[in-house]
């Protein structure tokens, strides 16, 4: 993935943020961190880089002026349209894997991740 994105000066986490904004539209930064399961500091750095590159705009959220609303800029939208399809990664990793088995694996890993997150919150 990184090798494919390198010519576009993007990393995989930057792509992930752009993907969400391109597919879901403007999103409050705090909510985006939760959706993408990124630490606040990680997301802040990624967003700052994307803003500096002119791909993402930050503005005050209309409902809560303290929150930052993220959206793609015109340059971000143009770049998104030029980016290659990365579905080959999924196909390479999971090609030939039984869909039911894959669904079970995803469900188990989500449960395990949730259990660990709950454990961390107890401390």
PDB file of N, CA and C in Angstrom:
ATOM      1  N   UNK A   1       0.837  -1.192   0.000  1.00  0.00           N
ATOM      2  CA  UNK A   1       0.000   0.000   0.000  1.00  0.00           C
ATOM      3  C   UNK A   1       0.875   1.245   0.000  1.00  0.00           C
ATOM      4  N   UNK A   2       1.877   1.264   0.882  1.00  0.00           N
ATOM      5  CA  UNK A   2       2.746   2.443   0.955  1.00  0.00           C
ATOM      6  C   UNK A   2       3.489   2.665  -0.359  1.00  0.00           C
ATOM      7  N   UNK A   3       3.934   1.590  -0.994  1.00  0.00           N
ATOM      8  CA  UNK A   3       4.647   1.728  -2.266  1.00  0.00           C
ATOM      9  C   UNK A   3       3.721   2.302  -3.335  1.00  0.00           C
ATOM     10  N   UNK A   4       2.466   1.907  -3.322  1.00  0.00           N
ATOM     11  CA  UNK A   4       1.497   2.407  -4.306  1.00  0.00           C
ATOM     12  C   UNK A   4       1.164   3.875  -4.060  1.00  0.00           C
ATOM     13  N   UNK A   5       1.135   4.280  -2.792  1.00  0.00           N
ATOM     14  CA  UNK A   5       0.768   5.656  -2.439  1.00  0.00           C
ATOM     15  C   UNK A   5       1.944   6.627  -2.470  1.00  0.00           C
ATOM     16  N   UNK A   6       3.162   6.096  -2.420  1.00  0.00           N
ATOM     17  CA  UNK A   6       4.358   6.956  -2.358  1.00  0.00           C
ATOM     18  C   UNK A   6       4.402   8.009  -3.476  1.00  0.00           C
ATOM     19  N   UNK A   7       4.104   7.661  -4.734  1.00  0.00           N
ATOM     20  CA  UNK A   7       4.151   8.691  -5.781  1.00  0.00           C
ATOM     21  C   UNK A   7       3.161   9.843  -5.561  1.00  0.00           C
ATOM     22  N   UNK A   8       2.168   9.615  -4.708  1.00  0.00           N
ATOM     23  CA  UNK A   8       1.168  10.646  -4.424  1.00  0.00           C
ATOM     24  C   UNK A   8       1.484  11.382  -3.124  1.00  0.00           C
ATOM     25  N   UNK A   9       2.645  11.076  -2.529  1.00  0.00           N
ATOM     26  CA  UNK A   9       3.096  11.691  -1.278  1.00  0.00           C
ATOM     27  C   UNK A   9       2.093  11.460  -0.152  1.00  0.00           C
ATOM     28  N   UNK A  10       1.577  10.226  -0.081  1.00  0.00           N
ATOM     29  CA  UNK A  10       0.621   9.851   0.958  1.00  0.00           C
ATOM     30  C   UNK A  10       1.091   8.594   1.668  1.00  0.00           C
ATOM     31  N   UNK A  11       0.789   8.519   2.959  1.00  0.00           N
ATOM     32  CA  UNK A  11       0.974   7.294   3.715  1.00  0.00           C
ATOM     33  C   UNK A  11      -0.368   6.610   3.884  1.00  0.00           C
ATOM     34  N   UNK A  12      -0.346   5.415   4.421  1.00  0.00           N
ATOM     35  CA  UNK A  12      -1.577   4.636   4.541  1.00  0.00           C
ATOM     36  C   UNK A  12      -2.592   5.288   5.493  1.00  0.00           C
ATOM     37  N   UNK A  13      -2.138   5.883   6.583  1.00  0.00           N
ATOM     38  CA  UNK A  13      -3.074   6.530   7.510  1.00  0.00           C
ATOM     39  C   UNK A  13      -3.657   7.789   6.886  1.00  0.00           C
ATOM     40  N   UNK A  14      -2.856   8.521   6.125  1.00  0.00           N
ATOM     41  CA  UNK A  14      -3.384   9.687   5.407  1.00  0.00           C
ATOM     42  C   UNK A  14      -4.443   9.233   4.408  1.00  0.00           C
ATOM     43  N   UNK A  15      -4.170   8.146   3.697  1.00  0.00           N
ATOM     44  CA  UNK A  15      -5.143   7.609   2.740  1.00  0.00           C
ATOM     45  C   UNK A  15      -6.440   7.252   3.462  1.00  0.00           C
ATOM     46  N   UNK A  16      -6.321   6.636   4.636  1.00  0.00           N
ATOM     47  CA  UNK A  16      -7.480   6.206   5.406  1.00  0.00           C
ATOM     48  C   UNK A  16      -8.359   7.403   5.776  1.00  0.00           C
ATOM     49  N   UNK A  17      -7.745   8.499   6.189  1.00  0.00           N
ATOM     50  CA  UNK A  17      -8.499   9.716   6.510  1.00  0.00           C
ATOM     51  C   UNK A  17      -9.174  10.257   5.247  1.00  0.00           C
ATOM     52  N   UNK A  18      -8.429  10.342   4.151  1.00  0.00           N
ATOM     53  CA  UNK A  18      -9.012  10.823   2.889  1.00  0.00           C
ATOM     54  C   UNK A  18     -10.158   9.920   2.444  1.00  0.00           C
ATOM     55  N   UNK A  19      -9.962   8.612   2.566  1.00  0.00           N
ATOM     56  CA  UNK A  19     -11.008   7.656   2.178  1.00  0.00           C
ATOM     57  C   UNK A  19     -12.290   7.951   2.941  1.00  0.00           C
ATOM     58  N   UNK A  20     -12.177   8.131   4.250  1.00  0.00           N
ATOM     59  CA  UNK A  20     -13.373   8.387   5.041  1.00  0.00           C
ATOM     60  C   UNK A  20     -14.056   9.687   4.616  1.00  0.00           C
ATOM     61  N   UNK A  21     -13.276  10.745   4.458  1.00  0.00           N
ATOM     62  CA  UNK A  21     -13.866  12.026   4.070  1.00  0.00           C
ATOM     63  C   UNK A  21     -14.466  11.963   2.665  1.00  0.00           C
ATOM     64  N   UNK A  22     -13.837  11.198   1.778  1.00  0.00           N
ATOM     65  CA  UNK A  22     -14.350  11.077   0.403  1.00  0.00           C
ATOM     66  C   UNK A  22     -15.620  10.243   0.352  1.00  0.00           C
ATOM     67  N   UNK A  23     -15.724   9.245   1.212  1.00  0.00           N
ATOM     68  CA  UNK A  23     -16.886   8.358   1.153  1.00  0.00           C
ATOM     69  C   UNK A  23     -18.010   8.767   2.092  1.00  0.00           C
ATOM     70  N   UNK A  24     -17.677   9.444   3.198  1.00  0.00           N
ATOM     71  CA  UNK A  24     -18.697   9.803   4.188  1.00  0.00           C
ATOM     72  C   UNK A  24     -18.971  11.291   4.283  1.00  0.00           C
ATOM     73  N   UNK A  25     -18.103  12.102   3.691  1.00  0.00           N
ATOM     74  CA  UNK A  25     -18.302  13.546   3.738  1.00  0.00           C
ATOM     75  C   UNK A  25     -17.676  14.172   4.976  1.00  0.00           C
ATOM     76  N   UNK A  26     -17.908  15.465   5.174  1.00  0.00           N
ATOM     77  CA  UNK A  26     -17.314  16.186   6.305  1.00  0.00           C
ATOM     78  C   UNK A  26     -17.616  15.489   7.633  1.00  0.00           C
ATOM     79  N   UNK A  27     -16.608  15.456   8.486  1.00  0.00           N
ATOM     80  CA  UNK A  27     -16.716  14.729   9.752  1.00  0.00           C
ATOM     81  C   UNK A  27     -15.994  15.515  10.845  1.00  0.00           C
ATOM     82  N   UNK A  28     -16.563  15.524  12.033  1.00  0.00           N
ATOM     83  CA  UNK A  28     -15.916  16.149  13.181  1.00  0.00           C
ATOM     84  C   UNK A  28     -14.677  15.325  13.521  1.00  0.00           C
ATOM     85  N   UNK A  29     -13.557  16.002  13.756  1.00  0.00           N
ATOM     86  CA  UNK A  29     -12.278  15.322  13.969  1.00  0.00           C
ATOM     87  C   UNK A  29     -12.353  14.312  15.110  1.00  0.00           C
ATOM     88  N   UNK A  30     -12.977  14.664  16.211  1.00  0.00           N
ATOM     89  CA  UNK A  30     -13.093  13.742  17.348  1.00  0.00           C
ATOM     90  C   UNK A  30     -13.820  12.462  16.933  1.00  0.00           C
ATOM     91  N   UNK A  31     -14.910  12.614  16.168  1.00  0.00           N
ATOM     92  CA  UNK A  31     -15.670  11.451  15.716  1.00  0.00           C
ATOM     93  C   UNK A  31     -14.867  10.611  14.729  1.00  0.00           C
ATOM     94  N   UNK A  32     -14.093  11.274  13.885  1.00  0.00           N
ATOM     95  CA  UNK A  32     -13.271  10.561  12.917  1.00  0.00           C
ATOM     96  C   UNK A  32     -12.255   9.673  13.636  1.00  0.00           C
ATOM     97  N   UNK A  33     -11.651  10.180  14.687  1.00  0.00           N
ATOM     98  CA  UNK A  33     -10.702   9.386  15.460  1.00  0.00           C
ATOM     99  C   UNK A  33     -11.338   8.127  16.012  1.00  0.00           C
ATOM    100  N   UNK A  34     -12.550   8.266  16.503  1.00  0.00           N
ATOM    101  CA  UNK A  34     -13.276   7.094  17.035  1.00  0.00           C
ATOM    102  C   UNK A  34     -13.603   6.112  15.916  1.00  0.00           C
ATOM    103  N   UNK A  35     -14.099   6.622  14.799  1.00  0.00           N
ATOM    104  CA  UNK A  35     -14.482   5.745  13.685  1.00  0.00           C
ATOM    105  C   UNK A  35     -13.300   4.971  13.118  1.00  0.00           C
ATOM    106  N   UNK A  36     -12.177   5.657  12.993  1.00  0.00           N
ATOM    107  CA  UNK A  36     -11.003   5.025  12.408  1.00  0.00           C
ATOM    108  C   UNK A  36     -10.128   4.344  13.466  1.00  0.00           C
ATOM    109  N   UNK A  37     -10.538   4.481  14.731  1.00  0.00           N
ATOM    110  CA  UNK A  37      -9.811   3.905  15.860  1.00  0.00           C
ATOM    111  C   UNK A  37      -8.353   4.360  15.877  1.00  0.00           C
ATOM    112  N   UNK A  38      -8.182   5.679  15.768  1.00  0.00           N
ATOM    113  CA  UNK A  38      -6.853   6.284  15.819  1.00  0.00           C
ATOM    114  C   UNK A  38      -6.718   7.090  17.104  1.00  0.00           C
ATOM    115  N   UNK A  39      -5.540   7.032  17.689  1.00  0.00           N
ATOM    116  CA  UNK A  39      -5.264   7.847  18.872  1.00  0.00           C
ATOM    117  C   UNK A  39      -5.360   9.317  18.497  1.00  0.00           C
ATOM    118  N   UNK A  40      -5.755  10.146  19.458  1.00  0.00           N
ATOM    119  CA  UNK A  40      -5.932  11.572  19.203  1.00  0.00           C
ATOM    120  C   UNK A  40      -4.657  12.213  18.659  1.00  0.00           C
ATOM    121  N   UNK A  41      -3.517  11.900  19.260  1.00  0.00           N
ATOM    122  CA  UNK A  41      -2.254  12.502  18.818  1.00  0.00           C
ATOM    123  C   UNK A  41      -1.895  12.065  17.398  1.00  0.00           C
ATOM    124  N   UNK A  42      -2.131  10.801  17.091  1.00  0.00           N
ATOM    125  CA  UNK A  42      -1.853  10.293  15.735  1.00  0.00           C
ATOM    126  C   UNK A  42      -2.718  11.014  14.723  1.00  0.00           C
ATOM    127  N   UNK A  43      -4.021  11.092  15.006  1.00  0.00           N
ATOM    128  CA  UNK A  43      -4.932  11.753  14.079  1.00  0.00           C
ATOM    129  C   UNK A  43      -4.592  13.226  13.930  1.00  0.00           C
ATOM    130  N   UNK A  44      -4.248  13.894  15.019  1.00  0.00           N
ATOM    131  CA  UNK A  44      -3.898  15.315  14.942  1.00  0.00           C
ATOM    132  C   UNK A  44      -2.721  15.542  14.006  1.00  0.00           C
ATOM    133  N   UNK A  45      -1.699  14.694  14.108  1.00  0.00           N
ATOM    134  CA  UNK A  45      -0.541  14.816  13.223  1.00  0.00           C
ATOM    135  C   UNK A  45      -0.884  14.564  11.776  1.00  0.00           C
ATOM    136  N   UNK A  46      -1.699  13.545  11.528  1.00  0.00           N
ATOM    137  CA  UNK A  46      -2.106  13.221  10.159  1.00  0.00           C
ATOM    138  C   UNK A  46      -2.930  14.358   9.576  1.00  0.00           C
ATOM    139  N   UNK A  47      -3.884  14.857  10.358  1.00  0.00           N
ATOM    140  CA  UNK A  47      -4.737  15.952   9.876  1.00  0.00           C
ATOM    141  C   UNK A  47      -3.892  17.198   9.605  1.00  0.00           C
ATOM    142  N   UNK A  48      -2.971  17.512  10.511  1.00  0.00           N
ATOM    143  CA  UNK A  48      -2.116  18.695  10.305  1.00  0.00           C
ATOM    144  C   UNK A  48      -1.329  18.570   8.998  1.00  0.00           C
ATOM    145  N   UNK A  49      -0.838  17.377   8.709  1.00  0.00           N
ATOM    146  CA  UNK A  49      -0.101  17.157   7.462  1.00  0.00           C
ATOM    147  C   UNK A  49      -1.011  17.323   6.252  1.00  0.00           C
ATOM    148  N   UNK A  50      -2.205  16.763   6.319  1.00  0.00           N
ATOM    149  CA  UNK A  50      -3.142  16.874   5.190  1.00  0.00           C
ATOM    150  C   UNK A  50      -3.608  18.313   4.989  1.00  0.00           C
ATOM    151  N   UNK A  51      -3.759  19.056   6.076  1.00  0.00           N
ATOM    152  CA  UNK A  51      -4.117  20.481   5.970  1.00  0.00           C
ATOM    153  C   UNK A  51      -2.967  21.240   5.327  1.00  0.00           C
ATOM    154  N   UNK A  52      -1.739  20.968   5.781  1.00  0.00           N
ATOM    155  CA  UNK A  52      -0.562  21.639   5.224  1.00  0.00           C
ATOM    156  C   UNK A  52      -0.413  21.341   3.723  1.00  0.00           C
ATOM    157  N   UNK A  53      -0.770  20.137   3.308  1.00  0.00           N
ATOM    158  CA  UNK A  53      -0.702  19.763   1.887  1.00  0.00           C
ATOM    159  C   UNK A  53      -1.860  20.357   1.084  1.00  0.00           C
ATOM    160  N   UNK A  54      -2.832  20.949   1.776  1.00  0.00           N
ATOM    161  CA  UNK A  54      -3.974  21.556   1.096  1.00  0.00           C
ATOM    162  C   UNK A  54      -5.030  20.553   0.676  1.00  0.00           C
ATOM    163  N   UNK A  55      -5.032  19.363   1.271  1.00  0.00           N
ATOM    164  CA  UNK A  55      -5.973  18.314   0.887  1.00  0.00           C
ATOM    165  C   UNK A  55      -7.210  18.264   1.775  1.00  0.00           C
ATOM    166  N   UNK A  56      -7.071  18.757   3.001  1.00  0.00           N
ATOM    167  CA  UNK A  56      -8.164  18.743   3.975  1.00  0.00           C
ATOM    168  C   UNK A  56      -8.293  20.129   4.574  1.00  0.00           C
ATOM    169  N   UNK A  57      -9.541  20.537   4.797  1.00  0.00           N
ATOM    170  CA  UNK A  57      -9.823  21.824   5.450  1.00  0.00           C
ATOM    171  C   UNK A  57     -10.398  21.550   6.831  1.00  0.00           C
ATOM    172  N   UNK A  58     -10.007  22.381   7.789  1.00  0.00           N
ATOM    173  CA  UNK A  58     -10.550  22.342   9.140  1.00  0.00           C
ATOM    174  C   UNK A  58     -11.365  23.605   9.352  1.00  0.00           C
ATOM    175  N   UNK A  59     -12.557  23.439   9.899  1.00  0.00           N
ATOM    176  CA  UNK A  59     -13.370  24.606  10.230  1.00  0.00           C
ATOM    177  C   UNK A  59     -14.101  24.321  11.537  1.00  0.00           C
ATOM    178  N   UNK A  60     -14.633  25.355  12.145  1.00  0.00           N
ATOM    179  CA  UNK A  60     -15.397  25.171  13.376  1.00  0.00           C
ATOM    180  C   UNK A  60     -16.704  24.480  13.036  1.00  0.00           C
ATOM    181  N   UNK A  61     -17.070  23.503  13.845  1.00  0.00           N
ATOM    182  CA  UNK A  61     -18.333  22.799  13.655  1.00  0.00           C
ATOM    183  C   UNK A  61     -19.476  23.735  14.013  1.00  0.00           C
ATOM    184  N   UNK A  62     -20.494  23.774  13.195  1.00  0.00           N
ATOM    185  CA  UNK A  62     -21.624  24.666  13.441  1.00  0.00           C
ATOM    186  C   UNK A  62     -22.322  24.388  14.758  1.00  0.00           C
ATOM    187  N   UNK A  63     -22.413  23.121  15.161  1.00  0.00           N
ATOM    188  CA  UNK A  63     -23.112  22.760  16.390  1.00  0.00           C
ATOM    189  C   UNK A  63     -22.271  23.032  17.632  1.00  0.00           C
ATOM    190  N   UNK A  64     -20.966  22.867  17.527  1.00  0.00           N
ATOM    191  CA  UNK A  64     -20.067  23.054  18.672  1.00  0.00           C
ATOM    192  C   UNK A  64     -18.797  23.715  18.155  1.00  0.00           C
ATOM    193  N   UNK A  65     -18.667  24.995  18.386  1.00  0.00           N
ATOM    194  CA  UNK A  65     -17.545  25.769  17.841  1.00  0.00           C
ATOM    195  C   UNK A  65     -16.181  25.282  18.323  1.00  0.00           C
ATOM    196  N   UNK A  66     -16.156  24.496  19.395  1.00  0.00           N
ATOM    197  CA  UNK A  66     -14.877  23.973  19.893  1.00  0.00           C
ATOM    198  C   UNK A  66     -14.377  22.799  19.062  1.00  0.00           C
ATOM    199  N   UNK A  67     -15.279  22.167  18.340  1.00  0.00           N
ATOM    200  CA  UNK A  67     -14.927  20.989  17.548  1.00  0.00           C
ATOM    201  C   UNK A  67     -14.495  21.401  16.140  1.00  0.00           C
ATOM    202  N   UNK A  68     -13.571  20.635  15.576  1.00  0.00           N
ATOM    203  CA  UNK A  68     -13.070  20.890  14.224  1.00  0.00           C
ATOM    204  C   UNK A  68     -13.769  19.972  13.238  1.00  0.00           C
ATOM    205  N   UNK A  69     -14.380  20.572  12.237  1.00  0.00           N
ATOM    206  CA  UNK A  69     -15.026  19.822  11.172  1.00  0.00           C
ATOM    207  C   UNK A  69     -14.025  19.667  10.035  1.00  0.00           C
ATOM    208  N   UNK A  70     -13.799  18.429   9.606  1.00  0.00           N
ATOM    209  CA  UNK A  70     -12.845  18.140   8.541  1.00  0.00           C
ATOM    210  C   UNK A  70     -13.590  17.862   7.245  1.00  0.00           C
ATOM    211  N   UNK A  71     -13.069  18.385   6.156  1.00  0.00           N
ATOM    212  CA  UNK A  71     -13.642  18.111   4.838  1.00  0.00           C
ATOM    213  C   UNK A  71     -12.529  18.150   3.800  1.00  0.00           C
ATOM    214  N   UNK A  72     -12.781  17.470   2.691  1.00  0.00           N
ATOM    215  CA  UNK A  72     -11.819  17.515   1.591  1.00  0.00           C
ATOM    216  C   UNK A  72     -11.873  18.879   0.930  1.00  0.00           C
ATOM    217  N   UNK A  73     -10.719  19.380   0.546  1.00  0.00           N
ATOM    218  CA  UNK A  73     -10.660  20.596  -0.266  1.00  0.00           C
ATOM    219  C   UNK A  73     -10.838  20.186  -1.728  1.00  0.00           C
ATOM    220  N   UNK A  74     -10.892  21.155  -2.616  1.00  0.00           N
ATOM    221  CA  UNK A  74     -10.944  20.844  -4.044  1.00  0.00           C
ATOM    222  C   UNK A  74      -9.737  20.032  -4.476  1.00  0.00           C
ATOM    223  N   UNK A  75      -8.561  20.398  -3.953  1.00  0.00           N
ATOM    224  CA  UNK A  75      -7.334  19.650  -4.277  1.00  0.00           C
ATOM    225  C   UNK A  75      -7.411  18.234  -3.719  1.00  0.00           C
ATOM    226  N   UNK A  76      -7.994  18.075  -2.524  1.00  0.00           N
ATOM    227  CA  UNK A  76      -8.156  16.756  -1.930  1.00  0.00           C
ATOM    228  C   UNK A  76      -9.089  15.881  -2.757  1.00  0.00           C
ATOM    229  N   UNK A  77     -10.178  16.476  -3.226  1.00  0.00           N
ATOM    230  CA  UNK A  77     -11.117  15.734  -4.069  1.00  0.00           C
ATOM    231  C   UNK A  77     -10.462  15.336  -5.390  1.00  0.00           C
ATOM    232  N   UNK A  78      -9.694  16.246  -5.970  1.00  0.00           N
ATOM    233  CA  UNK A  78      -9.014  15.946  -7.230  1.00  0.00           C
ATOM    234  C   UNK A  78      -7.992  14.825  -7.044  1.00  0.00           C
ATOM    235  N   UNK A  79      -7.238  14.879  -5.955  1.00  0.00           N
ATOM    236  CA  UNK A  79      -6.268  13.818  -5.683  1.00  0.00           C
ATOM    237  C   UNK A  79      -6.979  12.498  -5.466  1.00  0.00           C
ATOM    238  N   UNK A  80      -8.060  12.502  -4.723  1.00  0.00           N
ATOM    239  CA  UNK A  80      -8.796  11.274  -4.455  1.00  0.00           C
ATOM    240  C   UNK A  80      -9.235  10.602  -5.758  1.00  0.00           C
ATOM    241  N   UNK A  81      -9.688  11.397  -6.703  1.00  0.00           N
ATOM    242  CA  UNK A  81     -10.133  10.839  -7.996  1.00  0.00           C
ATOM    243  C   UNK A  81      -8.971  10.242  -8.782  1.00  0.00           C
ATOM    244  N   UNK A  82      -7.742  10.733  -8.557  1.00  0.00           N
ATOM    245  CA  UNK A  82      -6.569  10.236  -9.289  1.00  0.00           C
ATOM    246  C   UNK A  82      -5.919   9.015  -8.644  1.00  0.00           C
ATOM    247  N   UNK A  83      -6.215   8.778  -7.366  1.00  0.00           N
ATOM    248  CA  UNK A  83      -5.558   7.687  -6.657  1.00  0.00           C
ATOM    249  C   UNK A  83      -5.958   6.335  -7.248  1.00  0.00           C
ATOM    250  N   UNK A  84      -5.003   5.403  -7.282  1.00  0.00           N
ATOM    251  CA  UNK A  84      -5.315   4.073  -7.821  1.00  0.00           C
ATOM    252  C   UNK A  84      -6.228   3.287  -6.885  1.00  0.00           C
ATOM    253  N   UNK A  85      -6.934   2.344  -7.460  1.00  0.00           N
ATOM    254  CA  UNK A  85      -7.790   1.444  -6.702  1.00  0.00           C
ATOM    255  C   UNK A  85      -6.888   0.515  -5.891  1.00  0.00           C
ATOM    256  N   UNK A  86      -7.097   0.460  -4.596  1.00  0.00           N
ATOM    257  CA  UNK A  86      -6.252  -0.355  -3.731  1.00  0.00           C
ATOM    258  C   UNK A  86      -6.893  -1.695  -3.378  1.00  0.00           C
ATOM    259  N   UNK A  87      -7.968  -2.060  -4.062  1.00  0.00           N
ATOM    260  CA  UNK A  87      -8.630  -3.324  -3.740  1.00  0.00           C
ATOM    261  C   UNK A  87      -7.731  -4.528  -4.008  1.00  0.00           C
ATOM    262  N   UNK A  88      -6.685  -4.345  -4.817  1.00  0.00           N
ATOM    263  CA  UNK A  88      -5.761  -5.447  -5.073  1.00  0.00           C
ATOM    264  C   UNK A  88      -5.119  -5.937  -3.777  1.00  0.00           C
ATOM    265  N   UNK A  89      -4.999  -5.063  -2.772  1.00  0.00           N
ATOM    266  CA  UNK A  89      -4.410  -5.456  -1.497  1.00  0.00           C
ATOM    267  C   UNK A  89      -5.325  -6.459  -0.796  1.00  0.00           C
ATOM    268  N   UNK A  90      -6.594  -6.154  -0.774  1.00  0.00           N
ATOM    269  CA  UNK A  90      -7.571  -7.072  -0.178  1.00  0.00           C
ATOM    270  C   UNK A  90      -7.564  -8.389  -0.925  1.00  0.00           C
ATOM    271  N   UNK A  91      -7.561  -8.317  -2.250  1.00  0.00           N
ATOM    272  CA  UNK A  91      -7.565  -9.536  -3.072  1.00  0.00           C
ATOM    273  C   UNK A  91      -6.307 -10.371  -2.831  1.00  0.00           C
ATOM    274  N   UNK A  92      -5.159  -9.701  -2.717  1.00  0.00           N
ATOM    275  CA  UNK A  92      -3.908 -10.422  -2.487  1.00  0.00           C
ATOM    276  C   UNK A  92      -3.908 -11.083  -1.110  1.00  0.00           C
ATOM    277  N   UNK A  93      -4.425 -10.395  -0.119  1.00  0.00           N
ATOM    278  CA  UNK A  93      -4.405 -10.919   1.244  1.00  0.00           C
ATOM    279  C   UNK A  93      -5.463 -11.995   1.471  1.00  0.00           C
ATOM    280  N   UNK A  94      -6.636 -11.791   0.916  1.00  0.00           N
ATOM    281  CA  UNK A  94      -7.754 -12.671   1.244  1.00  0.00           C
ATOM    282  C   UNK A  94      -8.289 -13.483   0.076  1.00  0.00           C
ATOM    283  N   UNK A  95      -7.645 -13.383  -1.086  1.00  0.00           N
ATOM    284  CA  UNK A  95      -8.077 -14.167  -2.245  1.00  0.00           C
ATOM    285  C   UNK A  95      -8.037 -15.649  -1.915  1.00  0.00           C
ATOM    286  N   UNK A  96      -9.098 -16.356  -2.230  1.00  0.00           N
ATOM    287  CA  UNK A  96      -9.158 -17.791  -1.975  1.00  0.00           C
ATOM    288  C   UNK A  96      -9.577 -18.150  -0.559  1.00  0.00           C
ATOM    289  N   UNK A  97      -9.750 -17.157   0.313  1.00  0.00           N
ATOM    290  CA  UNK A  97     -10.191 -17.432   1.689  1.00  0.00           C
ATOM    291  C   UNK A  97     -11.710 -17.520   1.683  1.00  0.00           C
ATOM    292  N   UNK A  98     -12.214 -18.538   2.357  1.00  0.00           N
ATOM    293  CA  UNK A  98     -13.656 -18.739   2.465  1.00  0.00           C
ATOM    294  C   UNK A  98     -14.302 -17.511   3.113  1.00  0.00           C
ATOM    295  N   UNK A  99     -15.286 -16.898   2.452  1.00  0.00           N
ATOM    296  CA  UNK A  99     -15.922 -15.692   3.015  1.00  0.00           C
ATOM    297  C   UNK A  99     -16.498 -15.905   4.424  1.00  0.00           C
ATOM    298  N   UNK A 100     -17.066 -17.075   4.696  1.00  0.00           N
ATOM    299  CA  UNK A 100     -17.621 -17.338   6.026  1.00  0.00           C
ATOM    300  C   UNK A 100     -16.501 -17.389   7.062  1.00  0.00           C
ATOM    301  N   UNK A 101     -15.398 -18.007   6.712  1.00  0.00           N
ATOM    302  CA  UNK A 101     -14.250 -18.066   7.620  1.00  0.00           C
ATOM    303  C   UNK A 101     -13.683 -16.684   7.877  1.00  0.00           C
ATOM    304  N   UNK A 102     -13.620 -15.873   6.825  1.00  0.00           N
ATOM    305  CA  UNK A 102     -13.130 -14.503   6.967  1.00  0.00           C
ATOM    306  C   UNK A 102     -14.049 -13.693   7.877  1.00  0.00           C
ATOM    307  N   UNK A 103     -15.359 -13.849   7.701  1.00  0.00           N
ATOM    308  CA  UNK A 103     -16.320 -13.138   8.547  1.00  0.00           C
ATOM    309  C   UNK A 103     -16.164 -13.544  10.016  1.00  0.00           C
ATOM    310  N   UNK A 104     -15.932 -14.829  10.259  1.00  0.00           N
ATOM    311  CA  UNK A 104     -15.713 -15.309  11.624  1.00  0.00           C
ATOM    312  C   UNK A 104     -14.443 -14.699  12.209  1.00  0.00           C
ATOM    313  N   UNK A 105     -13.387 -14.672  11.418  1.00  0.00           N
ATOM    314  CA  UNK A 105     -12.123 -14.103  11.868  1.00  0.00           C
ATOM    315  C   UNK A 105     -12.290 -12.631  12.236  1.00  0.00           C
ATOM    316  N   UNK A 106     -12.966 -11.874  11.391  1.00  0.00           N
ATOM    317  CA  UNK A 106     -13.192 -10.453  11.662  1.00  0.00           C
ATOM    318  C   UNK A 106     -13.999 -10.287  12.947  1.00  0.00           C
ATOM    319  N   UNK A 107     -15.025 -11.087  13.110  1.00  0.00           N
ATOM    320  CA  UNK A 107     -15.856 -10.995  14.311  1.00  0.00           C
ATOM    321  C   UNK A 107     -15.038 -11.306  15.571  1.00  0.00           C
ATOM    322  N   UNK A 108     -14.221 -12.344  15.531  1.00  0.00           N
ATOM    323  CA  UNK A 108     -13.404 -12.719  16.684  1.00  0.00           C
ATOM    324  C   UNK A 108     -12.389 -11.629  17.003  1.00  0.00           C
ATOM    325  N   UNK A 109     -11.717 -11.092  15.985  1.00  0.00           N
ATOM    326  CA  UNK A 109     -10.728 -10.041  16.215  1.00  0.00           C
ATOM    327  C   UNK A 109     -11.371  -8.769  16.760  1.00  0.00           C
ATOM    328  N   UNK A 110     -12.559  -8.413  16.275  1.00  0.00           N
ATOM    329  CA  UNK A 110     -13.257  -7.237  16.819  1.00  0.00           C
ATOM    330  C   UNK A 110     -13.604  -7.455  18.286  1.00  0.00           C
ATOM    331  N   UNK A 111     -14.053  -8.647  18.606  1.00  0.00           N
ATOM    332  CA  UNK A 111     -14.393  -8.953  19.995  1.00  0.00           C
ATOM    333  C   UNK A 111     -13.146  -8.886  20.878  1.00  0.00           C
ATOM    334  N   UNK A 112     -12.052  -9.474  20.408  1.00  0.00           N
ATOM    335  CA  UNK A 112     -10.802  -9.452  21.175  1.00  0.00           C
ATOM    336  C   UNK A 112     -10.314  -8.022  21.374  1.00  0.00           C
ATOM    337  N   UNK A 113     -10.390  -7.213  20.330  1.00  0.00           N
ATOM    338  CA  UNK A 113      -9.978  -5.808  20.433  1.00  0.00           C
ATOM    339  C   UNK A 113     -10.861  -5.069  21.431  1.00  0.00           C
ATOM    340  N   UNK A 114     -12.151  -5.291  21.363  1.00  0.00           N
ATOM    341  CA  UNK A 114     -13.083  -4.671  22.308  1.00  0.00           C
ATOM    342  C   UNK A 114     -12.787  -5.084  23.741  1.00  0.00           C
ATOM    343  N   UNK A 115     -12.495  -6.363  23.943  1.00  0.00           N
ATOM    344  CA  UNK A 115     -12.166  -6.851  25.295  1.00  0.00           C
ATOM    345  C   UNK A 115     -10.912  -6.144  25.813  1.00  0.00           C
ATOM    346  N   UNK A 116      -9.901  -6.025  24.963  1.00  0.00           N
ATOM    347  CA  UNK A 116      -8.666  -5.370  25.392  1.00  0.00           C
ATOM    348  C   UNK A 116      -8.880  -3.890  25.676  1.00  0.00           C
ATOM    349  N   UNK A 117      -9.687  -3.233  24.850  1.00  0.00           N
ATOM    350  CA  UNK A 117      -9.969  -1.822  25.098  1.00  0.00           C
ATOM    351  C   UNK A 117     -10.719  -1.635  26.410  1.00  0.00           C
ATOM    352  N   UNK A 118     -11.634  -2.518  26.702  1.00  0.00           N
ATOM    353  CA  UNK A 118     -12.366  -2.463  27.968  1.00  0.00           C
ATOM    354  C   UNK A 118     -11.421  -2.660  29.136  1.00  0.00           C
ATOM    355  N   UNK A 119     -10.488  -3.604  28.999  1.00  0.00           N
ATOM    356  CA  UNK A 119      -9.509  -3.849  30.045  1.00  0.00           C
ATOM    357  C   UNK A 119      -8.636  -2.629  30.293  1.00  0.00           C
ATOM    358  N   UNK A 120      -8.218  -1.969  29.213  1.00  0.00           N
ATOM    359  CA  UNK A 120      -7.387  -0.781  29.350  1.00  0.00           C
ATOM    360  C   UNK A 120      -8.128   0.361  30.039  1.00  0.00           C
ATOM    361  N   UNK A 121      -9.411   0.467  29.795  1.00  0.00           N
ATOM    362  CA  UNK A 121     -10.212   1.542  30.408  1.00  0.00           C
ATOM    363  C   UNK A 121     -10.394   1.328  31.906  1.00  0.00           C
ATOM    364  N   UNK A 122     -10.294   0.076  32.367  1.00  0.00           N
ATOM    365  CA  UNK A 122     -10.435  -0.213  33.795  1.00  0.00           C
ATOM    366  C   UNK A 122      -9.257   0.316  34.596  1.00  0.00           C
ATOM    367  N   UNK A 123      -8.089   0.390  33.954  1.00  0.00           N
ATOM    368  CA  UNK A 123      -6.864   0.828  34.659  1.00  0.00           C
ATOM    369  C   UNK A 123      -6.813   2.276  34.768  1.00  0.00           C
TER     370      UNK A 123
END
